[in-house]
Amino acid sequence: MFGAMRYAVYIVSSQDHGTLYTGVTNNLARRIWGHKQGVGAKFTTKYSVSRLVWYENHDCIHTAIKREKNIKAWQRQWKINMIERDNPYWLDMYASLGQL
C-alpha cells in the first residue's frame, strides 16, 4: 500500500532577513531543487530566493493551501519571527530533506 501524500508549506529566502517567498508543494525536495535551479517561479529566480529557511508538513492539500494563504497575508516581521523561532541562524534546510 502506498503512503499518504504529504504537502508542505515553505518559506525560501535570498539570505538572512532577505527577500522571502512562501509556497506550497506536494514534493518539497523537488520544489526547492527547482528554486535552486531557477525553474518554475519567476519571482524566486529574479530575486535569487532559494534558501529553504522554514517549512511544515500537512496531510491535506486544502489545509496546506489555507495555511500558505494565511502566511502570505502576514506582516513580514511575523514571518521572520516564525523562521527565527524554528531556524534562528537562517540555515538552508534543503540538505536535511534527503533525496528527491
N, C-alpha and C. Protein backbone atom coordinates (compact mmCIF):
# COMPACT_ATOMS: atom_id res chain seq x y z
N MET A 1 0.85 -1.19 0.00
CA MET A 1 0.00 0.00 0.00
C MET A 1 0.88 1.24 0.00
N PHE A 2 0.47 2.25 -0.72
CA PHE A 2 1.23 3.48 -0.82
C PHE A 2 1.01 4.33 0.43
N GLY A 3 2.04 5.12 0.78
CA GLY A 3 1.93 6.02 1.92
C GLY A 3 1.03 7.20 1.59
N ALA A 4 0.58 7.88 2.61
CA ALA A 4 -0.26 9.04 2.42
C ALA A 4 0.54 10.18 1.79
N MET A 5 -0.10 10.93 0.92
CA MET A 5 0.53 12.08 0.28
C MET A 5 0.78 13.14 1.35
N ARG A 6 1.94 13.76 1.30
CA ARG A 6 2.27 14.84 2.22
C ARG A 6 2.43 16.13 1.42
N TYR A 7 2.01 17.20 2.02
CA TYR A 7 2.12 18.51 1.40
C TYR A 7 2.92 19.39 2.35
N ALA A 8 3.65 20.33 1.80
CA ALA A 8 4.46 21.20 2.64
C ALA A 8 4.20 22.66 2.29
N VAL A 9 4.08 23.47 3.31
CA VAL A 9 4.10 24.91 3.18
C VAL A 9 5.52 25.31 3.54
N TYR A 10 6.11 26.20 2.76
CA TYR A 10 7.51 26.51 2.98
C TYR A 10 7.81 27.98 2.74
N ILE A 11 8.93 28.41 3.30
CA ILE A 11 9.44 29.76 3.04
C ILE A 11 10.88 29.62 2.59
N VAL A 12 11.20 30.26 1.46
CA VAL A 12 12.57 30.36 0.99
C VAL A 12 13.00 31.82 1.09
N SER A 13 14.30 32.02 1.25
CA SER A 13 14.86 33.36 1.41
C SER A 13 16.08 33.53 0.53
N SER A 14 16.39 34.76 0.20
CA SER A 14 17.59 35.06 -0.57
C SER A 14 18.83 35.06 0.32
N GLN A 15 18.65 35.40 1.59
CA GLN A 15 19.73 35.47 2.57
C GLN A 15 19.09 35.72 3.93
N ASP A 16 19.89 35.82 4.98
CA ASP A 16 19.35 36.15 6.30
C ASP A 16 18.56 37.46 6.19
N HIS A 17 17.32 37.44 6.62
CA HIS A 17 16.44 38.61 6.60
C HIS A 17 16.29 39.20 5.20
N GLY A 18 16.48 38.38 4.18
CA GLY A 18 16.38 38.85 2.79
C GLY A 18 14.97 38.75 2.25
N THR A 19 14.88 38.70 0.94
CA THR A 19 13.60 38.55 0.26
C THR A 19 13.01 37.18 0.60
N LEU A 20 11.71 37.16 0.92
CA LEU A 20 11.03 35.93 1.31
C LEU A 20 10.00 35.54 0.26
N TYR A 21 9.81 34.22 0.11
CA TYR A 21 8.78 33.68 -0.77
C TYR A 21 8.13 32.52 -0.03
N THR A 22 6.81 32.51 0.00
CA THR A 22 6.06 31.44 0.64
C THR A 22 5.36 30.63 -0.44
N GLY A 23 5.44 29.29 -0.32
CA GLY A 23 4.81 28.43 -1.31
C GLY A 23 4.24 27.17 -0.69
N VAL A 24 3.62 26.35 -1.53
CA VAL A 24 3.07 25.06 -1.11
C VAL A 24 3.41 24.05 -2.20
N THR A 25 3.67 22.81 -1.81
CA THR A 25 4.06 21.79 -2.77
C THR A 25 3.71 20.40 -2.23
N ASN A 26 3.67 19.42 -3.15
CA ASN A 26 3.48 18.04 -2.72
C ASN A 26 4.80 17.27 -2.72
N ASN A 27 5.91 17.95 -3.07
CA ASN A 27 7.24 17.33 -3.04
C ASN A 27 8.25 18.43 -2.73
N LEU A 28 8.54 18.60 -1.46
CA LEU A 28 9.35 19.73 -1.02
C LEU A 28 10.78 19.68 -1.58
N ALA A 29 11.41 18.53 -1.53
CA ALA A 29 12.78 18.43 -2.04
C ALA A 29 12.85 18.80 -3.52
N ARG A 30 11.92 18.28 -4.30
CA ARG A 30 11.90 18.59 -5.74
C ARG A 30 11.63 20.07 -5.97
N ARG A 31 10.73 20.65 -5.21
CA ARG A 31 10.37 22.06 -5.41
C ARG A 31 11.53 22.98 -5.06
N ILE A 32 12.20 22.70 -3.95
CA ILE A 32 13.34 23.54 -3.56
C ILE A 32 14.47 23.38 -4.57
N TRP A 33 14.69 22.17 -5.05
CA TRP A 33 15.69 21.97 -6.10
C TRP A 33 15.34 22.84 -7.30
N GLY A 34 14.06 22.90 -7.64
CA GLY A 34 13.61 23.76 -8.75
C GLY A 34 13.93 25.22 -8.49
N HIS A 35 13.68 25.69 -7.27
CA HIS A 35 14.02 27.08 -6.94
C HIS A 35 15.53 27.30 -7.10
N LYS A 36 16.32 26.35 -6.65
CA LYS A 36 17.78 26.48 -6.75
C LYS A 36 18.26 26.49 -8.19
N GLN A 37 17.53 25.80 -9.07
CA GLN A 37 17.88 25.75 -10.49
C GLN A 37 17.24 26.89 -11.29
N GLY A 38 16.40 27.67 -10.65
CA GLY A 38 15.72 28.76 -11.34
C GLY A 38 14.58 28.29 -12.21
N VAL A 39 13.93 27.19 -11.80
CA VAL A 39 12.86 26.60 -12.58
C VAL A 39 11.51 26.82 -11.87
N GLY A 40 10.53 27.33 -12.58
CA GLY A 40 9.17 27.31 -12.09
C GLY A 40 8.61 28.57 -11.47
N ALA A 41 9.44 29.45 -10.97
CA ALA A 41 8.91 30.65 -10.34
C ALA A 41 9.75 31.85 -10.76
N LYS A 42 9.16 32.75 -11.51
CA LYS A 42 9.90 33.93 -11.99
C LYS A 42 10.38 34.80 -10.83
N PHE A 43 9.54 34.96 -9.82
CA PHE A 43 9.90 35.81 -8.68
C PHE A 43 11.15 35.29 -7.98
N THR A 44 11.18 33.98 -7.66
CA THR A 44 12.32 33.44 -6.93
C THR A 44 13.59 33.45 -7.78
N THR A 45 13.45 33.29 -9.08
CA THR A 45 14.61 33.37 -9.97
C THR A 45 15.13 34.81 -10.03
N LYS A 46 14.23 35.77 -10.22
CA LYS A 46 14.62 37.18 -10.34
C LYS A 46 15.36 37.66 -9.10
N TYR A 47 14.91 37.23 -7.91
CA TYR A 47 15.49 37.74 -6.67
C TYR A 47 16.43 36.73 -5.98
N SER A 48 16.79 35.67 -6.68
CA SER A 48 17.70 34.63 -6.14
C SER A 48 17.23 34.10 -4.79
N VAL A 49 15.97 33.74 -4.73
CA VAL A 49 15.36 33.25 -3.50
C VAL A 49 15.30 31.73 -3.56
N SER A 50 16.22 31.06 -2.85
CA SER A 50 16.26 29.60 -2.93
C SER A 50 16.69 28.91 -1.64
N ARG A 51 16.96 29.66 -0.60
CA ARG A 51 17.39 29.07 0.67
C ARG A 51 16.15 28.67 1.48
N LEU A 52 15.96 27.37 1.69
CA LEU A 52 14.82 26.88 2.47
C LEU A 52 15.07 27.19 3.94
N VAL A 53 14.29 28.11 4.50
CA VAL A 53 14.51 28.53 5.89
C VAL A 53 13.41 28.08 6.84
N TRP A 54 12.28 27.61 6.29
CA TRP A 54 11.18 27.16 7.16
C TRP A 54 10.23 26.31 6.34
N TYR A 55 9.66 25.28 6.98
CA TYR A 55 8.59 24.52 6.34
C TYR A 55 7.81 23.75 7.40
N GLU A 56 6.59 23.38 7.02
CA GLU A 56 5.79 22.49 7.86
C GLU A 56 4.99 21.58 6.94
N ASN A 57 4.76 20.35 7.39
CA ASN A 57 4.05 19.35 6.60
C ASN A 57 2.58 19.30 6.96
N HIS A 58 1.78 18.92 5.97
CA HIS A 58 0.34 18.77 6.13
C HIS A 58 -0.11 17.51 5.41
N ASP A 59 -1.13 16.87 5.91
CA ASP A 59 -1.69 15.68 5.27
C ASP A 59 -2.72 16.02 4.21
N CYS A 60 -3.30 17.20 4.28
CA CYS A 60 -4.40 17.60 3.40
C CYS A 60 -4.00 18.82 2.57
N ILE A 61 -4.16 18.74 1.27
CA ILE A 61 -3.80 19.86 0.40
C ILE A 61 -4.61 21.11 0.73
N HIS A 62 -5.86 20.94 1.10
CA HIS A 62 -6.71 22.09 1.41
C HIS A 62 -6.20 22.83 2.64
N THR A 63 -5.77 22.09 3.64
CA THR A 63 -5.20 22.69 4.85
C THR A 63 -3.90 23.41 4.52
N ALA A 64 -3.07 22.78 3.69
CA ALA A 64 -1.79 23.38 3.30
C ALA A 64 -2.00 24.68 2.53
N ILE A 65 -2.93 24.68 1.60
CA ILE A 65 -3.19 25.89 0.81
C ILE A 65 -3.73 27.00 1.70
N LYS A 66 -4.61 26.65 2.62
CA LYS A 66 -5.16 27.65 3.54
C LYS A 66 -4.04 28.25 4.40
N ARG A 67 -3.15 27.41 4.89
CA ARG A 67 -2.03 27.89 5.70
C ARG A 67 -1.11 28.79 4.87
N GLU A 68 -0.81 28.39 3.64
CA GLU A 68 0.03 29.20 2.76
C GLU A 68 -0.59 30.59 2.57
N LYS A 69 -1.86 30.64 2.28
CA LYS A 69 -2.54 31.93 2.06
C LYS A 69 -2.52 32.79 3.32
N ASN A 70 -2.70 32.15 4.48
CA ASN A 70 -2.64 32.90 5.74
C ASN A 70 -1.27 33.51 5.95
N ILE A 71 -0.22 32.69 5.75
CA ILE A 71 1.14 33.19 5.95
C ILE A 71 1.46 34.30 4.95
N LYS A 72 1.04 34.15 3.72
CA LYS A 72 1.28 35.19 2.72
C LYS A 72 0.66 36.52 3.13
N ALA A 73 -0.43 36.48 3.86
CA ALA A 73 -1.11 37.70 4.29
C ALA A 73 -0.48 38.33 5.54
N TRP A 74 0.40 37.60 6.18
CA TRP A 74 1.04 38.11 7.40
C TRP A 74 1.95 39.29 7.11
N GLN A 75 2.19 40.07 8.16
CA GLN A 75 3.23 41.09 8.12
C GLN A 75 4.59 40.39 8.02
N ARG A 76 5.53 41.02 7.37
CA ARG A 76 6.87 40.46 7.20
C ARG A 76 7.50 40.05 8.53
N GLN A 77 7.37 40.89 9.54
CA GLN A 77 8.00 40.60 10.83
C GLN A 77 7.46 39.32 11.46
N TRP A 78 6.18 39.03 11.27
CA TRP A 78 5.60 37.79 11.79
C TRP A 78 6.27 36.58 11.15
N LYS A 79 6.52 36.67 9.83
CA LYS A 79 7.21 35.58 9.13
C LYS A 79 8.63 35.42 9.66
N ILE A 80 9.31 36.52 9.84
CA ILE A 80 10.68 36.48 10.38
C ILE A 80 10.68 35.86 11.77
N ASN A 81 9.73 36.25 12.60
CA ASN A 81 9.64 35.69 13.96
C ASN A 81 9.44 34.18 13.90
N MET A 82 8.60 33.70 13.01
CA MET A 82 8.35 32.26 12.88
C MET A 82 9.61 31.54 12.40
N ILE A 83 10.28 32.10 11.41
CA ILE A 83 11.53 31.50 10.92
C ILE A 83 12.54 31.42 12.05
N GLU A 84 12.74 32.52 12.75
CA GLU A 84 13.76 32.57 13.79
C GLU A 84 13.42 31.71 15.00
N ARG A 85 12.16 31.45 15.23
CA ARG A 85 11.76 30.53 16.30
C ARG A 85 12.24 29.12 15.99
N ASP A 86 12.09 28.71 14.72
CA ASP A 86 12.42 27.34 14.32
C ASP A 86 13.81 27.20 13.70
N ASN A 87 14.36 28.27 13.17
CA ASN A 87 15.64 28.23 12.46
C ASN A 87 16.38 29.56 12.73
N PRO A 88 16.86 29.75 13.97
CA PRO A 88 17.41 31.05 14.37
C PRO A 88 18.62 31.52 13.57
N TYR A 89 19.33 30.61 12.93
CA TYR A 89 20.52 31.01 12.17
C TYR A 89 20.26 31.06 10.66
N TRP A 90 19.01 30.93 10.27
CA TRP A 90 18.60 31.01 8.87
C TRP A 90 19.39 30.02 8.01
N LEU A 91 19.60 28.82 8.53
CA LEU A 91 20.32 27.79 7.79
C LEU A 91 19.46 27.28 6.63
N ASP A 92 20.12 26.86 5.56
CA ASP A 92 19.41 26.26 4.43
C ASP A 92 19.07 24.83 4.82
N MET A 93 17.79 24.52 4.95
CA MET A 93 17.32 23.22 5.42
C MET A 93 17.20 22.21 4.29
N TYR A 94 17.54 22.61 3.08
CA TYR A 94 17.39 21.73 1.92
C TYR A 94 18.14 20.41 2.08
N ALA A 95 19.38 20.46 2.54
CA ALA A 95 20.20 19.24 2.67
C ALA A 95 19.57 18.23 3.64
N SER A 96 18.80 18.72 4.60
CA SER A 96 18.17 17.82 5.58
C SER A 96 16.97 17.06 5.00
N LEU A 97 16.53 17.41 3.80
CA LEU A 97 15.36 16.78 3.20
C LEU A 97 15.67 15.41 2.61
N GLY A 98 16.92 15.13 2.33
CA GLY A 98 17.29 13.85 1.74
C GLY A 98 17.14 13.87 0.23
N GLN A 99 17.02 12.71 -0.34
CA GLN A 99 16.95 12.54 -1.79
C GLN A 99 15.58 12.94 -2.32
N LEU A 100 15.55 13.24 -3.63
CA LEU A 100 14.28 13.57 -4.30
C LEU A 100 13.36 12.38 -4.36
